[in-house]
Amino acid sequence: MSKTTRAGQAAGAAGSAYTAAKANPYVQRIVEDEDLRENLKDAYEAARKAYGRITGNGKGPVKAVATDKKVQRDLRKATESLREATDQLRKPKRRKHRLGRLLIIGAVVGGVALAVSEDARKAVMDTLFGAEEEFEYTSTTSGGNGSGG
């Protein structure tokens, strides 16, 4: 087999791996979610440290896990990080609700403005209920001394 044929096969395999990874929602989440990547990295590093302590102490793996506090701590950290990563993968990705947040901020600012400004309150009341009609009261009784007669 020539070098060009092997290179072509490797390129084809890389292209199909890329296509499969692009279609995989888990891979997409790992690419897009920084917290998920951080949890996976922490789990890997903790597991690697634990494995190094288990294999390098000469006690045997069971005794190392049972007695070595550092191995237990590293394994605990690895499992916690993997649990967090699993939870992040199971939950749908949270989308930021910017419009909702903007509406809430606008409502709060509007409420404060209405509470503080009498002119703003009058403007809102006039808009909602129509302009206030001003009238002068005129008495229908005659202006005499009150002794009808």
C-alpha atoms as a PDB file:
ATOM      1  CA  MET A   1       0.000   0.000   0.000  1.00  0.00           C
ATOM      2  CA  SER A   2       1.457   3.351  -0.966  1.00  0.00           C
ATOM      3  CA  LYS A   3       1.774   6.383   1.263  1.00  0.00           C
ATOM      4  CA  THR A   4      -0.808   8.346  -0.692  1.00  0.00           C
ATOM      5  CA  THR A   5      -3.388   5.596  -0.286  1.00  0.00           C
ATOM      6  CA  ARG A   6      -2.787   5.427   3.475  1.00  0.00           C
ATOM      7  CA  ALA A   7      -2.954   9.212   3.719  1.00  0.00           C
ATOM      8  CA  GLY A   8      -6.205   9.205   1.778  1.00  0.00           C
ATOM      9  CA  GLN A   9      -7.667   6.571   4.048  1.00  0.00           C
ATOM     10  CA  ALA A  10      -6.557   8.504   7.131  1.00  0.00           C
ATOM     11  CA  ALA A  11      -8.102  11.680   5.748  1.00  0.00           C
ATOM     12  CA  GLY A  12     -11.333   9.837   5.010  1.00  0.00           C
ATOM     13  CA  ALA A  13     -11.403   8.397   8.529  1.00  0.00           C
ATOM     14  CA  ALA A  14     -10.725  11.830  10.028  1.00  0.00           C
ATOM     15  CA  GLY A  15     -13.503  13.342   7.925  1.00  0.00           C
ATOM     16  CA  SER A  16     -16.000  10.703   8.999  1.00  0.00           C
ATOM     17  CA  ALA A  17     -14.944  11.137  12.653  1.00  0.00           C
ATOM     18  CA  TYR A  18     -15.468  14.881  12.310  1.00  0.00           C
ATOM     19  CA  THR A  19     -18.921  14.362  10.803  1.00  0.00           C
ATOM     20  CA  ALA A  20     -19.887  11.934  13.567  1.00  0.00           C
ATOM     21  CA  ALA A  21     -18.605  14.298  16.276  1.00  0.00           C
ATOM     22  CA  LYS A  22     -20.424  17.254  14.754  1.00  0.00           C
ATOM     23  CA  ALA A  23     -23.702  15.327  14.760  1.00  0.00           C
ATOM     24  CA  ASN A  24     -23.282  14.079  18.348  1.00  0.00           C
ATOM     25  CA  PRO A  25     -25.136  16.345  20.826  1.00  0.00           C
ATOM     26  CA  TYR A  26     -22.828  15.344  23.699  1.00  0.00           C
ATOM     27  CA  VAL A  27     -19.751  16.404  21.779  1.00  0.00           C
ATOM     28  CA  GLN A  28     -21.458  19.673  20.886  1.00  0.00           C
ATOM     29  CA  ARG A  29     -22.236  20.323  24.566  1.00  0.00           C
ATOM     30  CA  ILE A  30     -18.598  19.662  25.506  1.00  0.00           C
ATOM     31  CA  VAL A  31     -17.421  22.060  22.814  1.00  0.00           C
ATOM     32  CA  GLU A  32     -19.876  24.813  23.806  1.00  0.00           C
ATOM     33  CA  ASP A  33     -20.039  24.478  27.621  1.00  0.00           C
ATOM     34  CA  GLU A  34     -16.951  25.707  29.464  1.00  0.00           C
ATOM     35  CA  ASP A  35     -18.172  24.499  32.883  1.00  0.00           C
ATOM     36  CA  LEU A  36     -18.724  20.990  31.522  1.00  0.00           C
ATOM     37  CA  ARG A  37     -15.201  20.912  30.076  1.00  0.00           C
ATOM     38  CA  GLU A  38     -13.799  22.125  33.400  1.00  0.00           C
ATOM     39  CA  ASN A  39     -15.625  19.362  35.317  1.00  0.00           C
ATOM     40  CA  LEU A  40     -14.388  16.699  32.918  1.00  0.00           C
ATOM     41  CA  LYS A  41     -10.828  18.024  33.165  1.00  0.00           C
ATOM     42  CA  ASP A  42     -10.993  18.060  36.985  1.00  0.00           C
ATOM     43  CA  ALA A  43     -12.329  14.491  37.038  1.00  0.00           C
ATOM     44  CA  TYR A  44      -9.549  13.316  34.724  1.00  0.00           C
ATOM     45  CA  GLU A  45      -6.788  14.997  36.747  1.00  0.00           C
ATOM     46  CA  ALA A  46      -8.101  13.678  40.076  1.00  0.00           C
ATOM     47  CA  ALA A  47      -8.450  10.145  38.692  1.00  0.00           C
ATOM     48  CA  ARG A  48      -4.940  10.314  37.229  1.00  0.00           C
ATOM     49  CA  LYS A  49      -3.503  11.399  40.599  1.00  0.00           C
ATOM     50  CA  ALA A  50      -5.361   8.613  42.379  1.00  0.00           C
ATOM     51  CA  TYR A  51      -4.155   6.046  39.851  1.00  0.00           C
ATOM     52  CA  GLY A  52      -0.574   7.250  40.253  1.00  0.00           C
ATOM     53  CA  ARG A  53      -0.778   6.885  44.038  1.00  0.00           C
ATOM     54  CA  ILE A  54      -2.430   3.463  43.794  1.00  0.00           C
ATOM     55  CA  THR A  55       0.133   2.015  41.389  1.00  0.00           C
ATOM     56  CA  GLY A  56       3.192   3.704  42.874  1.00  0.00           C
ATOM     57  CA  ASN A  57       2.890   2.890  46.559  1.00  0.00           C
ATOM     58  CA  GLY A  58       3.674  -0.843  46.483  1.00  0.00           C
ATOM     59  CA  LYS A  59       0.790  -1.678  48.847  1.00  0.00           C
ATOM     60  CA  GLY A  60      -1.582  -2.994  46.218  1.00  0.00           C
ATOM     61  CA  PRO A  61      -4.673  -1.241  44.921  1.00  0.00           C
ATOM     62  CA  VAL A  62      -7.166  -2.492  47.517  1.00  0.00           C
ATOM     63  CA  LYS A  63      -5.012  -1.518  50.488  1.00  0.00           C
ATOM     64  CA  ALA A  64      -4.155   1.841  48.883  1.00  0.00           C
ATOM     65  CA  VAL A  65      -7.832   2.704  48.347  1.00  0.00           C
ATOM     66  CA  ALA A  66      -8.774   1.491  51.830  1.00  0.00           C
ATOM     67  CA  THR A  67      -6.024   3.270  53.784  1.00  0.00           C
ATOM     68  CA  ASP A  68      -4.545   6.148  51.762  1.00  0.00           C
ATOM     69  CA  LYS A  69      -6.454   9.375  52.525  1.00  0.00           C
ATOM     70  CA  LYS A  70      -5.021  11.176  49.476  1.00  0.00           C
ATOM     71  CA  VAL A  71      -6.238   8.409  47.163  1.00  0.00           C
ATOM     72  CA  GLN A  72      -9.667   8.588  48.775  1.00  0.00           C
ATOM     73  CA  ARG A  73      -9.737  12.387  48.396  1.00  0.00           C
ATOM     74  CA  ASP A  74      -8.729  12.182  44.734  1.00  0.00           C
ATOM     75  CA  LEU A  75     -11.304   9.496  43.991  1.00  0.00           C
ATOM     76  CA  ARG A  76     -13.985  11.519  45.784  1.00  0.00           C
ATOM     77  CA  LYS A  77     -13.077  14.606  43.754  1.00  0.00           C
ATOM     78  CA  ALA A  78     -13.138  12.590  40.529  1.00  0.00           C
ATOM     79  CA  THR A  79     -16.579  11.164  41.272  1.00  0.00           C
ATOM     80  CA  GLU A  80     -17.983  14.577  42.269  1.00  0.00           C
ATOM     81  CA  SER A  81     -16.682  16.167  39.081  1.00  0.00           C
ATOM     82  CA  LEU A  82     -18.080  13.334  36.970  1.00  0.00           C
ATOM     83  CA  ARG A  83     -21.434  13.615  38.751  1.00  0.00           C
ATOM     84  CA  GLU A  84     -21.573  17.348  38.010  1.00  0.00           C
ATOM     85  CA  ALA A  85     -20.631  16.738  34.382  1.00  0.00           C
ATOM     86  CA  THR A  86     -23.325  14.066  34.104  1.00  0.00           C
ATOM     87  CA  ASP A  87     -25.927  16.413  35.566  1.00  0.00           C
ATOM     88  CA  GLN A  88     -24.888  19.127  33.128  1.00  0.00           C
ATOM     89  CA  LEU A  89     -25.238  16.737  30.200  1.00  0.00           C
ATOM     90  CA  ARG A  90     -28.671  15.550  31.326  1.00  0.00           C
ATOM     91  CA  LYS A  91     -30.133  18.991  31.833  1.00  0.00           C
ATOM     92  CA  PRO A  92     -31.016  20.967  28.743  1.00  0.00           C
ATOM     93  CA  LYS A  93     -28.678  23.821  28.109  1.00  0.00           C
ATOM     94  CA  ARG A  94     -29.904  26.924  29.875  1.00  0.00           C
ATOM     95  CA  ARG A  95     -30.636  29.794  27.602  1.00  0.00           C
ATOM     96  CA  LYS A  96     -30.299  33.299  28.799  1.00  0.00           C
ATOM     97  CA  HIS A  97     -33.620  35.080  28.987  1.00  0.00           C
ATOM     98  CA  ARG A  98     -32.452  38.569  28.170  1.00  0.00           C
ATOM     99  CA  LEU A  99     -35.856  39.830  27.073  1.00  0.00           C
ATOM    100  CA  GLY A 100     -37.504  38.737  30.322  1.00  0.00           C
ATOM    101  CA  ARG A 101     -34.733  40.304  32.370  1.00  0.00           C
ATOM    102  CA  LEU A 102     -35.050  43.525  30.373  1.00  0.00           C
ATOM    103  CA  LEU A 103     -38.814  43.619  30.955  1.00  0.00           C
ATOM    104  CA  ILE A 104     -38.387  43.116  34.695  1.00  0.00           C
ATOM    105  CA  ILE A 105     -35.788  45.878  34.914  1.00  0.00           C
ATOM    106  CA  GLY A 106     -38.047  48.174  32.894  1.00  0.00           C
ATOM    107  CA  ALA A 107     -40.999  47.472  35.192  1.00  0.00           C
ATOM    108  CA  VAL A 108     -38.932  48.206  38.297  1.00  0.00           C
ATOM    109  CA  VAL A 109     -37.566  51.447  36.853  1.00  0.00           C
ATOM    110  CA  GLY A 110     -41.071  52.491  35.755  1.00  0.00           C
ATOM    111  CA  GLY A 111     -42.477  51.737  39.207  1.00  0.00           C
ATOM    112  CA  VAL A 112     -39.793  53.815  40.887  1.00  0.00           C
ATOM    113  CA  ALA A 113     -40.395  56.674  38.462  1.00  0.00           C
ATOM    114  CA  LEU A 114     -44.139  56.601  39.190  1.00  0.00           C
ATOM    115  CA  ALA A 115     -43.536  56.508  42.928  1.00  0.00           C
ATOM    116  CA  VAL A 116     -41.167  59.471  42.831  1.00  0.00           C
ATOM    117  CA  SER A 117     -42.634  61.769  40.196  1.00  0.00           C
ATOM    118  CA  GLU A 118     -46.099  63.302  40.503  1.00  0.00           C
ATOM    119  CA  ASP A 119     -45.953  64.505  36.882  1.00  0.00           C
ATOM    120  CA  ALA A 120     -45.282  60.947  35.719  1.00  0.00           C
ATOM    121  CA  ARG A 121     -48.248  59.654  37.740  1.00  0.00           C
ATOM    122  CA  LYS A 122     -50.519  62.318  36.219  1.00  0.00           C
ATOM    123  CA  ALA A 123     -49.305  61.485  32.722  1.00  0.00           C
ATOM    124  CA  VAL A 124     -49.991  57.773  33.227  1.00  0.00           C
ATOM    125  CA  MET A 125     -53.420  58.418  34.740  1.00  0.00           C
ATOM    126  CA  ASP A 126     -54.323  60.762  31.860  1.00  0.00           C
ATOM    127  CA  THR A 127     -53.176  58.156  29.347  1.00  0.00           C
ATOM    128  CA  LEU A 128     -55.054  55.306  30.976  1.00  0.00           C
ATOM    129  CA  PHE A 129     -58.278  57.032  32.021  1.00  0.00           C
ATOM    130  CA  GLY A 130     -58.385  60.171  29.913  1.00  0.00           C
ATOM    131  CA  ALA A 131     -57.682  63.740  30.868  1.00  0.00           C
ATOM    132  CA  GLU A 132     -59.244  64.942  34.061  1.00  0.00           C
ATOM    133  CA  GLU A 133     -62.098  67.324  33.374  1.00  0.00           C
ATOM    134  CA  GLU A 134     -61.974  70.478  35.379  1.00  0.00           C
ATOM    135  CA  PHE A 135     -65.226  72.215  36.121  1.00  0.00           C
ATOM    136  CA  GLU A 136     -66.498  75.080  38.199  1.00  0.00           C
ATOM    137  CA  TYR A 137     -69.364  74.578  40.526  1.00  0.00           C
ATOM    138  CA  THR A 138     -72.185  77.072  40.227  1.00  0.00           C
ATOM    139  CA  SER A 139     -75.030  77.008  42.646  1.00  0.00           C
ATOM    140  CA  THR A 140     -78.513  76.589  41.299  1.00  0.00           C
ATOM    141  CA  THR A 141     -80.081  78.345  44.248  1.00  0.00           C
ATOM    142  CA  SER A 142     -80.711  82.030  44.160  1.00  0.00           C
ATOM    143  CA  GLY A 143     -78.306  84.191  46.045  1.00  0.00           C
ATOM    144  CA  GLY A 144     -80.841  85.780  48.454  1.00  0.00           C
ATOM    145  CA  ASN A 145     -80.989  85.819  52.189  1.00  0.00           C
ATOM    146  CA  GLY A 146     -82.581  82.449  52.331  1.00  0.00           C
ATOM    147  CA  SER A 147     -86.121  83.612  53.299  1.00  0.00           C
ATOM    148  CA  GLY A 148     -87.988  82.490  50.271  1.00  0.00           C
ATOM    149  CA  GLY A 149     -90.607  84.743  49.547  1.00  0.00           C
END
